[in-house]
């Protein structure tokens, strides 16, 4: 039986010059990164914060259980996050 599609192709990892393609790639990969972070936190019970700065100077954040609690815990040198509920939080901060 012959394959009908070529499947996923391996891409060369290099800077994307086309602005439109760069924005689409950034959005898709950011969503994938946040999804993986969420899966890791659910599967392993990990507390995490992911902060991404775009080339358009926008900040995108993901935190589980709460990004502010995770960052505060990190800054204070605590080994666990205190005072946070058990829901993931995604924040977009536009400048």
PDB file of N, CA and C in Angstrom:
ATOM      1  N   UNK A   1       0.840  -1.182   0.000  1.00  0.00           N
ATOM      2  CA  UNK A   1       0.000   0.000   0.000  1.00  0.00           C
ATOM      3  C   UNK A   1       0.882   1.241   0.000  1.00  0.00           C
ATOM      4  N   UNK A   2       0.579   2.198  -0.849  1.00  0.00           N
ATOM      5  CA  UNK A   2       1.349   3.424  -0.958  1.00  0.00           C
ATOM      6  C   UNK A   2       0.843   4.475   0.023  1.00  0.00           C
ATOM      7  N   UNK A   3       1.779   5.257   0.543  1.00  0.00           N
ATOM      8  CA  UNK A   3       1.391   6.354   1.426  1.00  0.00           C
ATOM      9  C   UNK A   3       0.755   7.468   0.596  1.00  0.00           C
ATOM     10  N   UNK A   4      -0.333   8.031   1.107  1.00  0.00           N
ATOM     11  CA  UNK A   4      -1.019   9.097   0.393  1.00  0.00           C
ATOM     12  C   UNK A   4      -0.392  10.459   0.656  1.00  0.00           C
ATOM     13  N   UNK A   5       0.241  10.620   1.820  1.00  0.00           N
ATOM     14  CA  UNK A   5       0.874  11.892   2.156  1.00  0.00           C
ATOM     15  C   UNK A   5       2.338  11.659   2.490  1.00  0.00           C
ATOM     16  N   UNK A   6       3.085  12.725   2.519  1.00  0.00           N
ATOM     17  CA  UNK A   6       4.501  12.619   2.855  1.00  0.00           C
ATOM     18  C   UNK A   6       4.740  12.686   4.357  1.00  0.00           C
ATOM     19  N   UNK A   7       3.720  12.999   5.128  1.00  0.00           N
ATOM     20  CA  UNK A   7       3.880  13.087   6.573  1.00  0.00           C
ATOM     21  C   UNK A   7       4.595  14.365   6.974  1.00  0.00           C
ATOM     22  N   UNK A   8       5.068  14.372   8.192  1.00  0.00           N
ATOM     23  CA  UNK A   8       5.795  15.547   8.673  1.00  0.00           C
ATOM     24  C   UNK A   8       7.196  15.560   8.098  1.00  0.00           C
ATOM     25  N   UNK A   9       7.607  16.743   7.706  1.00  0.00           N
ATOM     26  CA  UNK A   9       8.956  16.882   7.178  1.00  0.00           C
ATOM     27  C   UNK A   9       9.828  17.531   8.234  1.00  0.00           C
ATOM     28  N   UNK A  10      11.070  17.123   8.270  1.00  0.00           N
ATOM     29  CA  UNK A  10      12.029  17.734   9.181  1.00  0.00           C
ATOM     30  C   UNK A  10      12.409  19.089   8.611  1.00  0.00           C
ATOM     31  N   UNK A  11      12.368  20.115   9.463  1.00  0.00           N
ATOM     32  CA  UNK A  11      12.730  21.448   8.994  1.00  0.00           C
ATOM     33  C   UNK A  11      14.097  21.832   9.544  1.00  0.00           C
ATOM     34  N   UNK A  12      14.762  22.672   8.796  1.00  0.00           N
ATOM     35  CA  UNK A  12      16.047  23.191   9.253  1.00  0.00           C
ATOM     36  C   UNK A  12      15.764  24.292  10.278  1.00  0.00           C
ATOM     37  N   UNK A  13      16.429  24.214  11.410  1.00  0.00           N
ATOM     38  CA  UNK A  13      16.242  25.218  12.444  1.00  0.00           C
ATOM     39  C   UNK A  13      17.149  26.404  12.132  1.00  0.00           C
ATOM     40  N   UNK A  14      16.530  27.458  11.632  1.00  0.00           N
ATOM     41  CA  UNK A  14      17.232  28.698  11.318  1.00  0.00           C
ATOM     42  C   UNK A  14      16.236  29.835  11.447  1.00  0.00           C
ATOM     43  N   UNK A  15      16.723  31.043  11.548  1.00  0.00           N
ATOM     44  CA  UNK A  15      15.873  32.226  11.724  1.00  0.00           C
ATOM     45  C   UNK A  15      14.944  32.384  10.529  1.00  0.00           C
ATOM     46  N   UNK A  16      13.676  32.675  10.793  1.00  0.00           N
ATOM     47  CA  UNK A  16      12.680  32.898   9.748  1.00  0.00           C
ATOM     48  C   UNK A  16      12.665  34.384   9.425  1.00  0.00           C
ATOM     49  N   UNK A  17      12.877  34.732   8.181  1.00  0.00           N
ATOM     50  CA  UNK A  17      12.959  36.133   7.779  1.00  0.00           C
ATOM     51  C   UNK A  17      11.589  36.713   7.428  1.00  0.00           C
ATOM     52  N   UNK A  18      10.708  35.918   6.856  1.00  0.00           N
ATOM     53  CA  UNK A  18       9.378  36.384   6.472  1.00  0.00           C
ATOM     54  C   UNK A  18       8.557  36.682   7.720  1.00  0.00           C
ATOM     55  N   UNK A  19       8.090  37.920   7.857  1.00  0.00           N
ATOM     56  CA  UNK A  19       7.387  38.366   9.065  1.00  0.00           C
ATOM     57  C   UNK A  19       6.111  37.573   9.318  1.00  0.00           C
ATOM     58  N   UNK A  20       5.357  37.329   8.284  1.00  0.00           N
ATOM     59  CA  UNK A  20       4.096  36.597   8.438  1.00  0.00           C
ATOM     60  C   UNK A  20       4.349  35.155   8.886  1.00  0.00           C
ATOM     61  N   UNK A  21       5.278  34.494   8.228  1.00  0.00           N
ATOM     62  CA  UNK A  21       5.620  33.116   8.603  1.00  0.00           C
ATOM     63  C   UNK A  21       6.184  33.052  10.020  1.00  0.00           C
ATOM     64  N   UNK A  22       6.969  34.065  10.389  1.00  0.00           N
ATOM     65  CA  UNK A  22       7.561  34.111  11.724  1.00  0.00           C
ATOM     66  C   UNK A  22       6.471  34.210  12.789  1.00  0.00           C
ATOM     67  N   UNK A  23       5.457  35.055  12.548  1.00  0.00           N
ATOM     68  CA  UNK A  23       4.372  35.230  13.516  1.00  0.00           C
ATOM     69  C   UNK A  23       3.547  33.953  13.663  1.00  0.00           C
ATOM     70  N   UNK A  24       3.246  33.297  12.553  1.00  0.00           N
ATOM     71  CA  UNK A  24       2.480  32.043  12.597  1.00  0.00           C
ATOM     72  C   UNK A  24       3.263  30.969  13.343  1.00  0.00           C
ATOM     73  N   UNK A  25       4.533  30.846  13.035  1.00  0.00           N
ATOM     74  CA  UNK A  25       5.380  29.853  13.709  1.00  0.00           C
ATOM     75  C   UNK A  25       5.473  30.140  15.196  1.00  0.00           C
ATOM     76  N   UNK A  26       5.654  31.411  15.558  1.00  0.00           N
ATOM     77  CA  UNK A  26       5.740  31.787  16.970  1.00  0.00           C
ATOM     78  C   UNK A  26       4.466  31.400  17.707  1.00  0.00           C
ATOM     79  N   UNK A  27       3.314  31.729  17.141  1.00  0.00           N
ATOM     80  CA  UNK A  27       2.032  31.436  17.786  1.00  0.00           C
ATOM     81  C   UNK A  27       1.828  29.936  17.979  1.00  0.00           C
ATOM     82  N   UNK A  28       2.115  29.156  16.949  1.00  0.00           N
ATOM     83  CA  UNK A  28       1.923  27.708  17.034  1.00  0.00           C
ATOM     84  C   UNK A  28       2.883  27.075  18.035  1.00  0.00           C
ATOM     85  N   UNK A  29       4.132  27.469  17.980  1.00  0.00           N
ATOM     86  CA  UNK A  29       5.117  26.874  18.886  1.00  0.00           C
ATOM     87  C   UNK A  29       4.916  27.324  20.326  1.00  0.00           C
ATOM     88  N   UNK A  30       4.469  28.568  20.528  1.00  0.00           N
ATOM     89  CA  UNK A  30       4.165  29.042  21.878  1.00  0.00           C
ATOM     90  C   UNK A  30       3.021  28.221  22.462  1.00  0.00           C
ATOM     91  N   UNK A  31       1.990  27.993  21.657  1.00  0.00           N
ATOM     92  CA  UNK A  31       0.854  27.187  22.121  1.00  0.00           C
ATOM     93  C   UNK A  31       1.310  25.768  22.454  1.00  0.00           C
ATOM     94  N   UNK A  32       2.180  25.205  21.621  1.00  0.00           N
ATOM     95  CA  UNK A  32       2.709  23.867  21.879  1.00  0.00           C
ATOM     96  C   UNK A  32       3.546  23.802  23.141  1.00  0.00           C
ATOM     97  N   UNK A  33       4.352  24.841  23.359  1.00  0.00           N
ATOM     98  CA  UNK A  33       5.185  24.917  24.559  1.00  0.00           C
ATOM     99  C   UNK A  33       4.325  24.988  25.809  1.00  0.00           C
ATOM    100  N   UNK A  34       3.285  25.831  25.794  1.00  0.00           N
ATOM    101  CA  UNK A  34       2.393  25.955  26.945  1.00  0.00           C
ATOM    102  C   UNK A  34       1.624  24.654  27.175  1.00  0.00           C
ATOM    103  N   UNK A  35       1.246  23.981  26.090  1.00  0.00           N
ATOM    104  CA  UNK A  35       0.534  22.700  26.228  1.00  0.00           C
ATOM    105  C   UNK A  35       1.435  21.663  26.892  1.00  0.00           C
ATOM    106  N   UNK A  36       2.673  21.587  26.440  1.00  0.00           N
ATOM    107  CA  UNK A  36       3.629  20.632  27.044  1.00  0.00           C
ATOM    108  C   UNK A  36       3.883  20.960  28.510  1.00  0.00           C
ATOM    109  N   UNK A  37       3.993  22.243  28.822  1.00  0.00           N
ATOM    110  CA  UNK A  37       4.200  22.649  30.218  1.00  0.00           C
ATOM    111  C   UNK A  37       3.006  22.228  31.070  1.00  0.00           C
ATOM    112  N   UNK A  38       1.804  22.401  30.550  1.00  0.00           N
ATOM    113  CA  UNK A  38       0.605  21.992  31.264  1.00  0.00           C
ATOM    114  C   UNK A  38       0.550  20.493  31.480  1.00  0.00           C
ATOM    115  N   UNK A  39       0.915  19.737  30.459  1.00  0.00           N
ATOM    116  CA  UNK A  39       0.932  18.281  30.577  1.00  0.00           C
ATOM    117  C   UNK A  39       1.944  17.833  31.627  1.00  0.00           C
ATOM    118  N   UNK A  40       3.116  18.443  31.622  1.00  0.00           N
ATOM    119  CA  UNK A  40       4.147  18.095  32.594  1.00  0.00           C
ATOM    120  C   UNK A  40       3.677  18.382  34.014  1.00  0.00           C
ATOM    121  N   UNK A  41       3.008  19.520  34.202  1.00  0.00           N
ATOM    122  CA  UNK A  41       2.539  19.864  35.544  1.00  0.00           C
ATOM    123  C   UNK A  41       1.451  18.907  36.015  1.00  0.00           C
ATOM    124  N   UNK A  42       0.587  18.459  35.111  1.00  0.00           N
ATOM    125  CA  UNK A  42      -0.468  17.522  35.494  1.00  0.00           C
ATOM    126  C   UNK A  42       0.115  16.139  35.764  1.00  0.00           C
ATOM    127  N   UNK A  43       0.968  15.666  34.877  1.00  0.00           N
ATOM    128  CA  UNK A  43       1.520  14.315  35.014  1.00  0.00           C
ATOM    129  C   UNK A  43       2.440  14.167  36.221  1.00  0.00           C
ATOM    130  N   UNK A  44       3.232  15.185  36.490  1.00  0.00           N
ATOM    131  CA  UNK A  44       4.259  15.077  37.531  1.00  0.00           C
ATOM    132  C   UNK A  44       3.980  15.931  38.764  1.00  0.00           C
ATOM    133  N   UNK A  45       2.930  16.716  38.738  1.00  0.00           N
ATOM    134  CA  UNK A  45       2.634  17.579  39.865  1.00  0.00           C
ATOM    135  C   UNK A  45       3.621  18.722  40.013  1.00  0.00           C
ATOM    136  N   UNK A  46       4.242  19.106  38.916  1.00  0.00           N
ATOM    137  CA  UNK A  46       5.263  20.152  38.956  1.00  0.00           C
ATOM    138  C   UNK A  46       4.614  21.532  38.968  1.00  0.00           C
ATOM    139  N   UNK A  47       5.220  22.445  39.696  1.00  0.00           N
ATOM    140  CA  UNK A  47       4.827  23.844  39.654  1.00  0.00           C
ATOM    141  C   UNK A  47       5.776  24.520  38.688  1.00  0.00           C
ATOM    142  N   UNK A  48       5.233  25.326  37.783  1.00  0.00           N
ATOM    143  CA  UNK A  48       6.103  25.913  36.768  1.00  0.00           C
ATOM    144  C   UNK A  48       5.610  27.257  36.290  1.00  0.00           C
ATOM    145  N   UNK A  49       6.548  28.011  35.733  1.00  0.00           N
ATOM    146  CA  UNK A  49       6.252  29.288  35.092  1.00  0.00           C
ATOM    147  C   UNK A  49       7.061  29.354  33.803  1.00  0.00           C
ATOM    148  N   UNK A  50       6.381  29.712  32.705  1.00  0.00           N
ATOM    149  CA  UNK A  50       7.042  29.880  31.413  1.00  0.00           C
ATOM    150  C   UNK A  50       6.748  31.304  30.959  1.00  0.00           C
ATOM    151  N   UNK A  51       7.793  32.052  30.656  1.00  0.00           N
ATOM    152  CA  UNK A  51       7.640  33.424  30.187  1.00  0.00           C
ATOM    153  C   UNK A  51       8.303  33.518  28.822  1.00  0.00           C
ATOM    154  N   UNK A  52       7.540  34.008  27.830  1.00  0.00           N
ATOM    155  CA  UNK A  52       8.040  34.107  26.459  1.00  0.00           C
ATOM    156  C   UNK A  52       7.897  35.545  25.992  1.00  0.00           C
ATOM    157  N   UNK A  53       8.972  36.102  25.455  1.00  0.00           N
ATOM    158  CA  UNK A  53       8.951  37.448  24.893  1.00  0.00           C
ATOM    159  C   UNK A  53       8.980  37.322  23.372  1.00  0.00           C
ATOM    160  N   UNK A  54       8.010  37.924  22.693  1.00  0.00           N
ATOM    161  CA  UNK A  54       7.961  37.847  21.237  1.00  0.00           C
ATOM    162  C   UNK A  54       8.866  38.910  20.624  1.00  0.00           C
ATOM    163  N   UNK A  55       9.091  38.779  19.324  1.00  0.00           N
ATOM    164  CA  UNK A  55       9.902  39.779  18.619  1.00  0.00           C
ATOM    165  C   UNK A  55       9.145  41.098  18.482  1.00  0.00           C
ATOM    166  N   UNK A  56       7.829  41.069  18.730  1.00  0.00           N
ATOM    167  CA  UNK A  56       7.008  42.289  18.673  1.00  0.00           C
ATOM    168  C   UNK A  56       6.878  42.928  20.058  1.00  0.00           C
ATOM    169  N   UNK A  57       7.741  42.536  21.001  1.00  0.00           N
ATOM    170  CA  UNK A  57       7.776  43.077  22.361  1.00  0.00           C
ATOM    171  C   UNK A  57       6.508  42.799  23.171  1.00  0.00           C
ATOM    172  N   UNK A  58       5.898  41.647  22.925  1.00  0.00           N
ATOM    173  CA  UNK A  58       4.769  41.209  23.739  1.00  0.00           C
ATOM    174  C   UNK A  58       5.256  40.104  24.662  1.00  0.00           C
ATOM    175  N   UNK A  59       4.658  40.043  25.845  1.00  0.00           N
ATOM    176  CA  UNK A  59       5.047  39.040  26.826  1.00  0.00           C
ATOM    177  C   UNK A  59       3.893  38.053  26.982  1.00  0.00           C
ATOM    178  N   UNK A  60       4.213  36.758  26.938  1.00  0.00           N
ATOM    179  CA  UNK A  60       3.233  35.701  27.113  1.00  0.00           C
ATOM    180  C   UNK A  60       3.707  34.818  28.263  1.00  0.00           C
ATOM    181  N   UNK A  61       2.808  34.521  29.191  1.00  0.00           N
ATOM    182  CA  UNK A  61       3.179  33.772  30.380  1.00  0.00           C
ATOM    183  C   UNK A  61       2.229  32.595  30.593  1.00  0.00           C
ATOM    184  N   UNK A  62       2.781  31.509  31.096  1.00  0.00           N
ATOM    185  CA  UNK A  62       1.987  30.361  31.515  1.00  0.00           C
ATOM    186  C   UNK A  62       2.490  29.964  32.890  1.00  0.00           C
ATOM    187  N   UNK A  63       1.568  29.704  33.787  1.00  0.00           N
ATOM    188  CA  UNK A  63       1.969  29.278  35.121  1.00  0.00           C
ATOM    189  C   UNK A  63       1.023  28.254  35.693  1.00  0.00           C
ATOM    190  N   UNK A  64       1.580  27.305  36.407  1.00  0.00           N
ATOM    191  CA  UNK A  64       0.764  26.315  37.111  1.00  0.00           C
ATOM    192  C   UNK A  64       1.341  26.108  38.485  1.00  0.00           C
ATOM    193  N   UNK A  65       0.650  26.281  39.534  1.00  0.00           N
ATOM    194  CA  UNK A  65      -0.775  26.597  39.597  1.00  0.00           C
ATOM    195  C   UNK A  65      -1.060  28.076  39.353  1.00  0.00           C
ATOM    196  N   UNK A  66      -0.131  28.952  39.636  1.00  0.00           N
ATOM    197  CA  UNK A  66      -0.319  30.384  39.423  1.00  0.00           C
ATOM    198  C   UNK A  66       1.046  30.987  39.148  1.00  0.00           C
ATOM    199  N   UNK A  67       1.175  31.715  38.054  1.00  0.00           N
ATOM    200  CA  UNK A  67       2.490  32.215  37.655  1.00  0.00           C
ATOM    201  C   UNK A  67       3.113  33.129  38.704  1.00  0.00           C
ATOM    202  N   UNK A  68       2.298  33.980  39.318  1.00  0.00           N
ATOM    203  CA  UNK A  68       2.835  34.910  40.319  1.00  0.00           C
ATOM    204  C   UNK A  68       3.338  34.163  41.556  1.00  0.00           C
ATOM    205  N   UNK A  69       2.605  33.138  41.962  1.00  0.00           N
ATOM    206  CA  UNK A  69       3.016  32.344  43.124  1.00  0.00           C
ATOM    207  C   UNK A  69       4.305  31.574  42.838  1.00  0.00           C
ATOM    208  N   UNK A  70       4.435  31.048  41.620  1.00  0.00           N
ATOM    209  CA  UNK A  70       5.648  30.301  41.257  1.00  0.00           C
ATOM    210  C   UNK A  70       6.857  31.229  41.234  1.00  0.00           C
ATOM    211  N   UNK A  71       6.694  32.403  40.636  1.00  0.00           N
ATOM    212  CA  UNK A  71       7.811  33.359  40.570  1.00  0.00           C
ATOM    213  C   UNK A  71       8.186  33.842  41.963  1.00  0.00           C
ATOM    214  N   UNK A  72       7.201  34.141  42.778  1.00  0.00           N
ATOM    215  CA  UNK A  72       7.474  34.586  44.150  1.00  0.00           C
ATOM    216  C   UNK A  72       8.192  33.491  44.941  1.00  0.00           C
ATOM    217  N   UNK A  73       7.764  32.255  44.751  1.00  0.00           N
ATOM    218  CA  UNK A  73       8.408  31.130  45.411  1.00  0.00           C
ATOM    219  C   UNK A  73       9.872  31.014  44.988  1.00  0.00           C
ATOM    220  N   UNK A  74      10.125  31.178  43.696  1.00  0.00           N
ATOM    221  CA  UNK A  74      11.491  31.111  43.169  1.00  0.00           C
ATOM    222  C   UNK A  74      12.353  32.232  43.755  1.00  0.00           C
ATOM    223  N   UNK A  75      11.811  33.439  43.770  1.00  0.00           N
ATOM    224  CA  UNK A  75      12.569  34.584  44.277  1.00  0.00           C
ATOM    225  C   UNK A  75      12.872  34.461  45.770  1.00  0.00           C
ATOM    226  N   UNK A  76      11.967  33.838  46.507  1.00  0.00           N
ATOM    227  CA  UNK A  76      12.162  33.680  47.951  1.00  0.00           C
ATOM    228  C   UNK A  76      12.930  32.412  48.311  1.00  0.00           C
ATOM    229  N   UNK A  77      13.262  31.608  47.315  1.00  0.00           N
ATOM    230  CA  UNK A  77      14.021  30.399  47.568  1.00  0.00           C
ATOM    231  C   UNK A  77      13.222  29.299  48.248  1.00  0.00           C
ATOM    232  N   UNK A  78      11.908  29.338  48.108  1.00  0.00           N
ATOM    233  CA  UNK A  78      11.065  28.307  48.716  1.00  0.00           C
ATOM    234  C   UNK A  78      11.076  27.044  47.861  1.00  0.00           C
ATOM    235  N   UNK A  79      10.900  25.895  48.500  1.00  0.00           N
ATOM    236  CA  UNK A  79      10.911  24.637  47.761  1.00  0.00           C
ATOM    237  C   UNK A  79       9.532  24.259  47.244  1.00  0.00           C
ATOM    238  N   UNK A  80       8.476  24.960  47.655  1.00  0.00           N
ATOM    239  CA  UNK A  80       7.148  24.686  47.134  1.00  0.00           C
ATOM    240  C   UNK A  80       6.373  25.992  47.018  1.00  0.00           C
ATOM    241  N   UNK A  81       5.328  25.949  46.211  1.00  0.00           N
ATOM    242  CA  UNK A  81       4.509  27.137  45.996  1.00  0.00           C
ATOM    243  C   UNK A  81       3.449  27.199  47.082  1.00  0.00           C
ATOM    244  N   UNK A  82       3.396  28.326  47.763  1.00  0.00           N
ATOM    245  CA  UNK A  82       2.471  28.503  48.876  1.00  0.00           C
ATOM    246  C   UNK A  82       1.358  29.449  48.461  1.00  0.00           C
ATOM    247  N   UNK A  83       0.118  29.122  48.862  1.00  0.00           N
ATOM    248  CA  UNK A  83      -1.005  30.029  48.674  1.00  0.00           C
ATOM    249  C   UNK A  83      -1.553  30.101  47.275  1.00  0.00           C
ATOM    250  N   UNK A  84      -1.366  29.066  46.473  1.00  0.00           N
ATOM    251  CA  UNK A  84      -1.896  29.076  45.115  1.00  0.00           C
ATOM    252  C   UNK A  84      -2.961  27.994  44.980  1.00  0.00           C
ATOM    253  N   UNK A  85      -3.993  28.296  44.176  1.00  0.00           N
ATOM    254  CA  UNK A  85      -4.990  27.261  43.925  1.00  0.00           C
ATOM    255  C   UNK A  85      -4.420  26.282  42.904  1.00  0.00           C
ATOM    256  N   UNK A  86      -5.200  25.309  42.473  1.00  0.00           N
ATOM    257  CA  UNK A  86      -4.666  24.247  41.620  1.00  0.00           C
ATOM    258  C   UNK A  86      -5.077  24.414  40.154  1.00  0.00           C
ATOM    259  N   UNK A  87      -5.233  25.655  39.681  1.00  0.00           N
ATOM    260  CA  UNK A  87      -5.606  25.891  38.296  1.00  0.00           C
ATOM    261  C   UNK A  87      -4.449  26.541  37.562  1.00  0.00           C
ATOM    262  N   UNK A  88      -4.278  26.139  36.312  1.00  0.00           N
ATOM    263  CA  UNK A  88      -3.242  26.744  35.479  1.00  0.00           C
ATOM    264  C   UNK A  88      -3.673  28.153  35.084  1.00  0.00           C
ATOM    265  N   UNK A  89      -2.697  28.992  34.819  1.00  0.00           N
ATOM    266  CA  UNK A  89      -2.988  30.373  34.472  1.00  0.00           C
ATOM    267  C   UNK A  89      -2.155  30.763  33.251  1.00  0.00           C
ATOM    268  N   UNK A  90      -2.829  31.350  32.254  1.00  0.00           N
ATOM    269  CA  UNK A  90      -2.129  31.847  31.079  1.00  0.00           C
ATOM    270  C   UNK A  90      -2.404  33.335  30.994  1.00  0.00           C
ATOM    271  N   UNK A  91      -1.345  34.116  30.853  1.00  0.00           N
ATOM    272  CA  UNK A  91      -1.464  35.569  30.878  1.00  0.00           C
ATOM    273  C   UNK A  91      -0.798  36.133  29.631  1.00  0.00           C
ATOM    274  N   UNK A  92      -1.440  37.109  29.003  1.00  0.00           N
ATOM    275  CA  UNK A  92      -0.840  37.826  27.890  1.00  0.00           C
ATOM    276  C   UNK A  92      -0.721  39.279  28.325  1.00  0.00           C
ATOM    277  N   UNK A  93       0.489  39.805  28.273  1.00  0.00           N
ATOM    278  CA  UNK A  93       0.734  41.187  28.662  1.00  0.00           C
ATOM    279  C   UNK A  93       1.208  41.929  27.430  1.00  0.00           C
ATOM    280  N   UNK A  94       0.401  42.832  26.931  1.00  0.00           N
ATOM    281  CA  UNK A  94       0.786  43.607  25.741  1.00  0.00           C
ATOM    282  C   UNK A  94       1.345  44.956  26.164  1.00  0.00           C
ATOM    283  N   UNK A  95       2.401  45.369  25.518  1.00  0.00           N
ATOM    284  CA  UNK A  95       3.014  46.656  25.857  1.00  0.00           C
ATOM    285  C   UNK A  95       2.809  47.626  24.735  1.00  0.00           C
TER     286      UNK A  95
END
